[in-house]
Amino acid sequence: LPKKSRWSTNFRIMILLAFGIALSIYPNLLENKLLKLAITLCLWSFILYLLYEGSFLKKTGIAVLYYAFNGAIDTGCIFGAMLLLQLDFTGLALRKMTYLSVVGFSKFLTVFLMWAVAHFRKKKKMQDISGQQFLLIFTYPLLSSVMLAILIFRSGSETDLNFSTFLFGIALIIANAGILYIINDMDKTARQTQEMMLLRQQNEMQTRNYQSLDTAYSAQRKVTHDFKRHIQIVYDLLKQGEYSAAEDYLSRLQSDRSLSGFCVHSQHPVIDVILNQKYQMALENDITMQIQINDLHNVLIPVNYLTVILSNLLDNAIEACQKLPSDKRIICTILLQQKLFISVRNTSVPVTIIDNKIATTKKCSLEHGYGIPAVECVLDQLHAEYALEYKNGWFQFAAEIPMQ
């Protein structure tokens, strides 16, 4: 579920902890199990309503799943302790410190498993998960679980855990929480490093494209000057009645590629430069490139963002076509209506897309480059919607960018 923006992360955690404690205490005071279940689900649905967006039905379903998940872990831990100690539930409950250790561990296990699911889901979106990360995340909690089970088992002949053993168990739980914090901090640092690399690539690309813009403007001024001169020559030939010479001159002009370098005119100078530049690059690589645009002079997106989006998408499309022996085609569509629609389709070798991401088989996903991730990073900042698709030999990246 998407988070409601008015709540900070720390405040959200405090509310969840407070409700978790309340739900652990107050429903247990009720004797009617159905009433306790109803109150618990209502309270969890209410807290989800406060903190997250989405329909009430979806939030209620999540509350039911959490209740079942939490209950299954509590039951498994308690029955596991009863099996180790060969006690019934009443006998286990009378051993207060043992019971508190088991319950505390079950609550930590619930939080840990939910954190692990959220962590791996987030990592799957960003990059592949290495074996070292699995080892880092699961080894210490697993060893702590084994140690706590051994301590409980060794206390089977005693009336209860001694105080020092109880404190050691609490210390294990706190240490595991610390490990989770460290892993989160490492992930945050890794994301910041990735963002810095993306920013550096954006700056380099902007510098190259600004230089290209200046070169293109200079070339366009030269072409405009030459074009006026050519028009004057044709006019003079026609005025003198040299029609065959004028026809021959026009034929030579038509074959002059220097005059065809500016075939795209969208009324937006940066978009024109990028499209013309990539169009010429496609021609030089024997790639057929079709461009569909309308009047884009009202596009208010910062030029550095436009540069990153268009340059990366078109460079990727050209690179993909270069790998094909034939049928090299690119279709670029940029249309401004209520939103700015950008689509780049190109013939390509098969591409695997998982969760709207291109899957990579390389050992380190950082080797895959930052073309598509750089585009996605910019689109996220622009609150755009985008999608990737591969079908029938064509790869497509499409995005809709709001103009407000």
Protein backbone atom coordinates (compact mmCIF):
# COMPACT_ATOMS: atom_id res chain seq x y z
CA LEU A 1 0.00 0.00 0.00
CA PRO A 2 1.28 3.55 -0.70
CA LYS A 3 2.01 5.58 2.42
CA LYS A 4 0.13 8.72 3.36
CA SER A 5 2.60 11.55 2.96
CA ARG A 6 1.57 13.50 6.06
CA TRP A 7 3.05 10.89 8.41
CA SER A 8 6.81 10.67 8.91
CA THR A 9 8.51 7.27 9.03
CA ASN A 10 9.43 7.57 12.72
CA PHE A 11 5.91 8.65 13.68
CA ARG A 12 4.47 5.77 11.65
CA ILE A 13 6.71 3.29 13.49
CA MET A 14 5.68 4.73 16.87
CA ILE A 15 1.99 4.41 16.02
CA LEU A 16 2.42 0.84 14.84
CA LEU A 17 4.32 -0.11 18.01
CA ALA A 18 1.72 1.54 20.23
CA PHE A 19 -1.12 -0.25 18.49
CA GLY A 20 0.82 -3.50 18.54
CA ILE A 21 1.26 -3.27 22.31
CA ALA A 22 -2.38 -2.33 22.77
CA LEU A 23 -3.52 -5.23 20.61
CA SER A 24 -1.30 -7.58 22.58
CA ILE A 25 -2.82 -6.50 25.90
CA TYR A 26 -6.44 -5.41 25.65
CA PRO A 27 -7.93 -8.16 23.46
CA ASN A 28 -6.49 -10.76 25.83
CA LEU A 29 -8.66 -9.32 28.61
CA LEU A 30 -11.79 -10.34 26.71
CA GLU A 31 -13.30 -13.78 27.25
CA ASN A 32 -15.40 -13.83 24.06
CA LYS A 33 -13.02 -14.98 21.32
CA LEU A 34 -15.19 -13.76 18.45
CA LEU A 35 -15.49 -10.32 20.04
CA LYS A 36 -11.74 -10.21 20.63
CA LEU A 37 -11.10 -11.16 16.99
CA ALA A 38 -13.53 -8.50 15.72
CA ILE A 39 -11.99 -5.76 17.87
CA THR A 40 -8.46 -6.75 16.83
CA LEU A 41 -9.31 -6.66 13.11
CA CYS A 42 -11.14 -3.35 13.49
CA LEU A 43 -8.18 -1.78 15.27
CA TRP A 44 -5.69 -2.99 12.65
CA SER A 45 -7.95 -1.79 9.83
CA PHE A 46 -8.17 1.60 11.54
CA ILE A 47 -4.41 1.98 11.89
CA LEU A 48 -3.96 0.98 8.23
CA TYR A 49 -6.57 3.60 7.32
CA LEU A 50 -4.57 6.26 9.19
CA LEU A 51 -1.19 5.44 7.70
CA TYR A 52 -1.78 4.15 4.17
CA GLU A 53 -3.71 4.90 1.01
CA GLY A 54 -6.02 2.35 -0.64
CA SER A 55 -9.50 0.90 -0.39
CA PHE A 56 -11.02 -0.14 2.93
CA LEU A 57 -11.56 -3.68 1.62
CA LYS A 58 -7.89 -4.07 0.76
CA LYS A 59 -6.83 -2.76 4.17
CA THR A 60 -9.21 -5.12 5.94
CA GLY A 61 -7.82 -8.03 3.92
CA ILE A 62 -4.27 -7.08 4.93
CA ALA A 63 -5.38 -6.88 8.58
CA VAL A 64 -6.84 -10.40 8.34
CA LEU A 65 -3.65 -11.74 6.75
CA TYR A 66 -1.50 -10.10 9.41
CA TYR A 67 -3.69 -11.51 12.21
CA ALA A 68 -3.41 -15.01 10.75
CA PHE A 69 0.34 -14.62 10.16
CA ASN A 70 0.99 -13.31 13.66
CA GLY A 71 -1.19 -15.99 15.23
CA ALA A 72 0.60 -18.75 13.33
CA ILE A 73 4.03 -17.56 14.52
CA ASP A 74 2.87 -17.13 18.15
CA THR A 75 1.31 -20.59 18.13
CA GLY A 76 4.37 -22.18 16.54
CA CYS A 77 6.79 -20.61 19.06
CA ILE A 78 4.67 -21.45 22.09
CA PHE A 79 3.98 -25.03 21.02
CA GLY A 80 7.65 -25.43 20.15
CA ALA A 81 8.61 -24.35 23.67
CA MET A 82 5.98 -26.66 25.16
CA LEU A 83 7.41 -29.54 23.11
CA LEU A 84 10.99 -28.81 24.20
CA LEU A 85 10.04 -28.55 27.86
CA GLN A 86 7.37 -31.28 27.74
CA LEU A 87 4.85 -28.98 29.39
CA ASP A 88 1.25 -28.03 28.76
CA PHE A 89 0.29 -24.40 28.19
CA THR A 90 -0.55 -23.79 31.84
CA GLY A 91 2.81 -25.16 32.96
CA LEU A 92 4.62 -22.95 30.44
CA ALA A 93 2.66 -19.86 31.50
CA LEU A 94 3.60 -20.44 35.14
CA ARG A 95 7.26 -20.13 34.16
CA LYS A 96 7.02 -16.38 33.74
CA MET A 97 10.50 -15.60 32.47
CA THR A 98 10.47 -18.55 30.08
CA TYR A 99 7.04 -17.55 28.80
CA LEU A 100 8.10 -13.89 28.38
CA SER A 101 11.22 -14.97 26.46
CA VAL A 102 9.19 -17.16 24.10
CA VAL A 103 6.53 -14.50 23.51
CA GLY A 104 9.16 -11.79 23.04
CA PHE A 105 11.01 -13.94 20.53
CA SER A 106 7.79 -14.71 18.62
CA LYS A 107 7.04 -10.97 18.33
CA PHE A 108 10.55 -10.28 17.09
CA LEU A 109 10.27 -13.15 14.61
CA THR A 110 7.04 -11.64 13.28
CA VAL A 111 8.68 -8.25 12.79
CA PHE A 112 11.78 -9.83 11.26
CA LEU A 113 9.87 -11.89 8.70
CA MET A 114 7.75 -8.90 7.66
CA TRP A 115 10.90 -6.78 7.37
CA ALA A 116 12.60 -9.50 5.31
CA VAL A 117 9.66 -9.66 2.88
CA ALA A 118 9.64 -5.86 2.48
CA HIS A 119 13.45 -5.79 2.16
CA PHE A 120 13.65 -8.44 -0.55
CA ARG A 121 10.72 -6.91 -2.42
CA LYS A 122 12.55 -3.57 -2.47
CA LYS A 123 15.85 -5.18 -3.43
CA LYS A 124 14.17 -7.08 -6.26
CA LYS A 125 13.10 -3.76 -7.74
CA MET A 126 16.60 -2.32 -7.54
CA GLN A 127 19.03 -5.13 -8.25
CA ASP A 128 19.69 -8.85 -7.84
CA ILE A 129 20.13 -10.22 -4.30
CA SER A 130 23.53 -11.80 -3.74
CA GLY A 131 24.26 -14.87 -1.63
CA GLN A 132 26.26 -12.70 0.78
CA GLN A 133 23.15 -10.63 1.49
CA PHE A 134 21.12 -13.75 2.24
CA LEU A 135 23.88 -14.92 4.55
CA LEU A 136 24.13 -11.55 6.30
CA ILE A 137 20.41 -11.24 6.88
CA PHE A 138 19.53 -14.76 8.03
CA THR A 139 22.62 -16.19 9.75
CA TYR A 140 22.54 -14.17 12.97
CA PRO A 141 18.76 -14.46 13.60
CA LEU A 142 18.98 -18.20 12.88
CA LEU A 143 21.88 -18.71 15.29
CA SER A 144 20.08 -16.61 17.90
CA SER A 145 16.97 -18.78 17.54
CA VAL A 146 19.04 -21.94 18.01
CA MET A 147 20.77 -20.49 21.09
CA LEU A 148 17.48 -19.42 22.64
CA ALA A 149 15.99 -22.87 21.98
CA ILE A 150 19.03 -24.49 23.65
CA LEU A 151 18.67 -22.22 26.69
CA ILE A 152 14.97 -23.06 27.02
CA PHE A 153 15.67 -26.77 26.58
CA ARG A 154 18.40 -26.72 29.25
CA SER A 155 15.97 -25.10 31.67
CA GLY A 156 13.59 -28.08 31.36
CA SER A 157 14.68 -29.55 34.71
CA GLU A 158 14.35 -26.18 36.46
CA THR A 159 11.27 -24.31 37.57
CA ASP A 160 12.07 -21.31 35.34
CA LEU A 161 14.84 -19.48 33.50
CA ASN A 162 17.22 -17.74 35.84
CA PHE A 163 17.43 -13.97 35.61
CA SER A 164 20.82 -13.87 33.88
CA THR A 165 19.63 -16.28 31.18
CA PHE A 166 16.49 -14.19 30.73
CA LEU A 167 18.60 -11.04 30.28
CA PHE A 168 20.80 -12.88 27.79
CA GLY A 169 17.72 -13.81 25.77
CA ILE A 170 16.56 -10.17 25.78
CA ALA A 171 20.05 -9.10 24.71
CA LEU A 172 19.88 -11.52 21.78
CA ILE A 173 16.60 -9.98 20.61
CA ILE A 174 18.02 -6.44 20.93
CA ALA A 175 21.17 -7.48 19.06
CA ASN A 176 19.06 -8.88 16.23
CA ALA A 177 17.13 -5.61 16.05
CA GLY A 178 20.48 -3.83 15.82
CA ILE A 179 21.51 -6.06 12.92
CA LEU A 180 18.33 -5.10 11.06
CA TYR A 181 19.11 -1.42 11.66
CA ILE A 182 22.66 -1.85 10.33
CA ILE A 183 21.41 -3.64 7.20
CA ASN A 184 18.88 -0.87 6.57
CA ASP A 185 21.64 1.72 7.00
CA MET A 186 23.84 -0.20 4.53
CA ASP A 187 20.97 -0.27 2.02
CA LYS A 188 20.45 3.45 2.45
CA THR A 189 24.15 4.08 1.82
CA ALA A 190 24.07 1.83 -1.26
CA ARG A 191 21.05 3.70 -2.64
CA GLN A 192 22.75 7.04 -2.02
CA THR A 193 25.85 5.76 -3.83
CA GLN A 194 23.70 4.63 -6.74
CA GLU A 195 21.94 8.00 -6.85
CA MET A 196 25.31 9.77 -6.87
CA MET A 197 26.42 7.63 -9.81
CA LEU A 198 23.16 8.42 -11.60
CA LEU A 199 23.63 12.12 -10.90
CA ARG A 200 27.18 12.01 -12.20
CA GLN A 201 26.04 10.26 -15.36
CA GLN A 202 23.28 12.84 -15.81
CA ASN A 203 25.78 15.68 -15.45
CA GLU A 204 28.13 14.09 -17.98
CA MET A 205 25.29 13.51 -20.40
CA GLN A 206 24.01 17.06 -19.97
CA THR A 207 27.49 18.43 -20.70
CA ARG A 208 27.76 16.34 -23.87
CA ASN A 209 24.29 17.32 -25.05
CA TYR A 210 24.76 21.02 -24.31
CA GLN A 211 27.90 20.84 -26.43
CA SER A 212 25.90 19.07 -29.11
CA LEU A 213 23.24 21.76 -28.83
CA ASP A 214 25.80 24.49 -29.43
CA THR A 215 27.32 22.56 -32.34
CA ALA A 216 23.89 21.92 -33.82
CA TYR A 217 22.90 25.58 -33.59
CA SER A 218 26.14 26.56 -35.32
CA ALA A 219 25.55 23.97 -38.02
CA GLN A 220 21.96 25.10 -38.43
CA ARG A 221 23.04 28.72 -38.89
CA LYS A 222 25.53 27.58 -41.55
CA VAL A 223 22.86 25.48 -43.28
CA THR A 224 20.46 28.43 -43.20
CA HIS A 225 23.09 30.71 -44.71
CA ASP A 226 23.98 28.15 -47.39
CA PHE A 227 20.33 27.50 -48.12
CA LYS A 228 19.73 31.20 -48.83
CA ARG A 229 22.72 31.16 -51.18
CA HIS A 230 21.39 28.06 -52.97
CA ILE A 231 17.97 29.68 -53.37
CA GLN A 232 19.59 32.75 -54.88
CA ILE A 233 21.56 30.63 -57.39
CA VAL A 234 18.44 28.69 -58.41
CA TYR A 235 16.53 31.95 -58.76
CA ASP A 236 19.24 33.43 -60.99
CA LEU A 237 19.34 30.30 -63.20
CA LEU A 238 15.56 30.33 -63.63
CA LYS A 239 15.60 34.06 -64.36
CA GLN A 240 18.16 33.46 -67.10
CA GLY A 241 16.08 30.59 -68.54
CA GLU A 242 18.66 27.94 -67.64
CA TYR A 243 16.00 25.42 -66.63
CA SER A 244 18.06 22.26 -67.15
CA ALA A 245 20.94 23.73 -65.14
CA ALA A 246 18.52 24.69 -62.34
CA GLU A 247 17.05 21.18 -62.36
CA ASP A 248 20.52 19.64 -62.19
CA TYR A 249 21.48 21.99 -59.35
CA LEU A 250 18.34 21.08 -57.37
CA SER A 251 19.04 17.38 -57.91
CA ARG A 252 22.52 17.77 -56.44
CA LEU A 253 21.10 19.71 -53.50
CA GLN A 254 18.59 16.96 -52.80
CA SER A 255 21.38 14.39 -52.50
CA ASP A 256 23.41 16.62 -50.20
CA ARG A 257 23.09 15.00 -46.73
CA SER A 258 24.37 18.14 -45.00
CA LEU A 259 21.06 19.78 -45.77
CA SER A 260 19.00 16.91 -44.30
CA GLY A 261 20.49 17.11 -40.83
CA PHE A 262 17.54 19.01 -39.38
CA CYS A 263 14.52 16.94 -40.31
CA VAL A 264 12.73 17.29 -36.94
CA HIS A 265 11.02 20.53 -35.95
CA SER A 266 8.97 20.31 -32.75
CA GLN A 267 9.39 23.98 -31.74
CA HIS A 268 11.40 22.81 -28.71
CA PRO A 269 15.14 23.39 -29.33
CA VAL A 270 16.52 20.73 -26.97
CA ILE A 271 14.14 18.01 -28.19
CA ASP A 272 14.92 18.98 -31.80
CA VAL A 273 18.67 18.71 -31.26
CA ILE A 274 18.45 15.34 -29.52
CA LEU A 275 16.05 13.83 -32.08
CA ASN A 276 18.03 15.12 -35.05
CA GLN A 277 21.27 13.89 -33.52
CA LYS A 278 19.90 10.40 -32.83
CA TYR A 279 18.20 10.32 -36.24
CA GLN A 280 21.54 10.92 -37.97
CA MET A 281 23.17 8.30 -35.75
CA ALA A 282 20.47 5.79 -36.75
CA LEU A 283 20.98 6.55 -40.45
CA GLU A 284 24.73 6.00 -40.12
CA ASN A 285 24.03 2.56 -38.62
CA ASP A 286 21.51 1.56 -41.32
CA ILE A 287 18.62 1.80 -38.87
CA THR A 288 15.20 2.97 -40.03
CA MET A 289 13.93 5.54 -37.54
CA GLN A 290 10.39 6.96 -37.62
CA ILE A 291 9.59 10.02 -35.51
CA GLN A 292 6.08 11.19 -34.65
CA ILE A 293 5.77 14.52 -32.82
CA ASN A 294 3.45 17.48 -32.47
CA ASP A 295 4.03 21.04 -31.27
CA LEU A 296 6.18 20.67 -28.14
CA HIS A 297 7.03 24.30 -27.39
CA ASN A 298 4.84 24.19 -24.25
CA VAL A 299 6.85 21.34 -22.68
CA LEU A 300 8.00 22.76 -19.34
CA ILE A 301 10.10 19.82 -18.17
CA PRO A 302 13.65 20.88 -17.21
CA VAL A 303 16.01 20.37 -20.13
CA ASN A 304 18.39 18.24 -18.05
CA TYR A 305 15.55 15.78 -17.38
CA LEU A 306 14.56 15.72 -21.05
CA THR A 307 18.17 15.07 -22.01
CA VAL A 308 18.48 12.09 -19.68
CA ILE A 309 15.15 10.56 -20.76
CA LEU A 310 15.44 10.93 -24.54
CA SER A 311 19.18 10.35 -24.87
CA ASN A 312 19.16 7.16 -22.81
CA LEU A 313 16.06 5.68 -24.45
CA LEU A 314 17.24 6.40 -27.99
CA ASP A 315 20.83 5.31 -27.29
CA ASN A 316 19.52 2.03 -25.88
CA ALA A 317 17.26 1.57 -28.92
CA ILE A 318 20.15 2.19 -31.35
CA GLU A 319 22.41 -0.16 -29.41
CA ALA A 320 19.71 -2.89 -29.44
CA CYS A 321 19.22 -2.52 -33.21
CA GLN A 322 22.96 -2.75 -33.83
CA LYS A 323 22.89 -6.29 -32.42
CA LEU A 324 20.40 -7.42 -35.06
CA PRO A 325 21.45 -8.74 -38.49
CA SER A 326 18.42 -7.17 -40.20
CA ASP A 327 15.04 -5.47 -39.64
CA LYS A 328 16.55 -2.61 -37.64
CA ARG A 329 13.74 -0.21 -36.80
CA ILE A 330 13.00 2.45 -34.22
CA ILE A 331 9.69 4.25 -33.73
CA CYS A 332 9.88 7.34 -31.50
CA THR A 333 6.66 9.09 -30.51
CA ILE A 334 6.52 12.32 -28.47
CA LEU A 335 3.09 13.93 -28.17
CA LEU A 336 1.98 16.76 -25.92
CA GLN A 337 -1.67 16.85 -24.88
CA GLN A 338 -2.82 17.04 -21.25
CA LYS A 339 0.32 15.02 -20.48
CA LEU A 340 3.57 14.48 -22.32
CA PHE A 341 3.55 11.01 -23.88
CA ILE A 342 6.94 9.51 -24.78
CA SER A 343 7.28 6.12 -26.45
CA VAL A 344 10.38 4.49 -27.92
CA ARG A 345 9.83 1.15 -29.72
CA ASN A 346 12.60 -0.80 -31.38
CA THR A 347 13.23 -4.24 -32.78
CA SER A 348 15.35 -6.20 -30.35
CA VAL A 349 16.68 -9.57 -29.32
CA PRO A 350 14.48 -11.22 -26.65
CA VAL A 351 14.35 -9.27 -23.39
CA THR A 352 13.04 -10.61 -20.08
CA ILE A 353 10.98 -8.12 -18.07
CA ILE A 354 10.08 -8.87 -14.44
CA ASP A 355 8.06 -6.43 -12.32
CA ASN A 356 8.48 -3.72 -14.94
CA LYS A 357 12.28 -4.15 -14.81
CA ILE A 358 14.73 -5.61 -17.30
CA ALA A 359 16.18 -8.78 -15.82
CA THR A 360 19.93 -9.20 -16.06
CA THR A 361 21.99 -12.37 -15.91
CA LYS A 362 25.19 -10.57 -14.96
CA LYS A 363 26.71 -11.31 -11.58
CA CYS A 364 26.60 -7.69 -10.53
CA SER A 365 23.67 -5.62 -11.68
CA LEU A 366 25.84 -2.50 -11.54
CA GLU A 367 27.57 -3.84 -14.67
CA HIS A 368 24.31 -3.54 -16.57
CA GLY A 369 24.69 0.23 -16.84
CA TYR A 370 22.43 3.04 -15.75
CA GLY A 371 20.51 3.78 -18.96
CA ILE A 372 17.05 2.58 -17.98
CA PRO A 373 17.56 3.16 -14.20
CA ALA A 374 18.61 6.76 -14.95
CA VAL A 375 15.42 7.28 -16.97
CA GLU A 376 13.28 5.71 -14.23
CA CYS A 377 14.96 7.84 -11.58
CA VAL A 378 14.10 11.03 -13.48
CA LEU A 379 10.54 9.86 -14.25
CA ASP A 380 9.97 9.11 -10.56
CA GLN A 381 11.01 12.66 -9.71
CA LEU A 382 8.53 13.93 -12.30
CA HIS A 383 5.74 11.71 -10.83
CA ALA A 384 5.35 10.02 -14.20
CA GLU A 385 3.83 6.66 -15.05
CA TYR A 386 5.91 4.32 -17.21
CA ALA A 387 5.97 0.75 -18.44
CA LEU A 388 8.26 -1.64 -20.30
CA GLU A 389 7.14 -4.35 -22.72
CA TYR A 390 8.68 -6.91 -25.03
CA LYS A 391 6.38 -8.57 -27.55
CA ASN A 392 6.81 -10.14 -30.97
CA GLY A 393 10.39 -8.96 -31.41
CA TRP A 394 9.71 -5.38 -30.30
CA PHE A 395 10.84 -3.70 -27.10
CA GLN A 396 8.95 -0.61 -25.93
CA PHE A 397 9.43 1.92 -23.16
CA ALA A 398 6.45 4.26 -22.73
CA ALA A 399 5.87 7.06 -20.23
CA GLU A 400 3.23 9.64 -19.42
CA ILE A 401 4.56 12.75 -17.69
CA PRO A 402 2.17 15.23 -16.04
CA MET A 403 2.65 18.86 -17.04
CA GLN A 404 1.53 20.39 -13.73
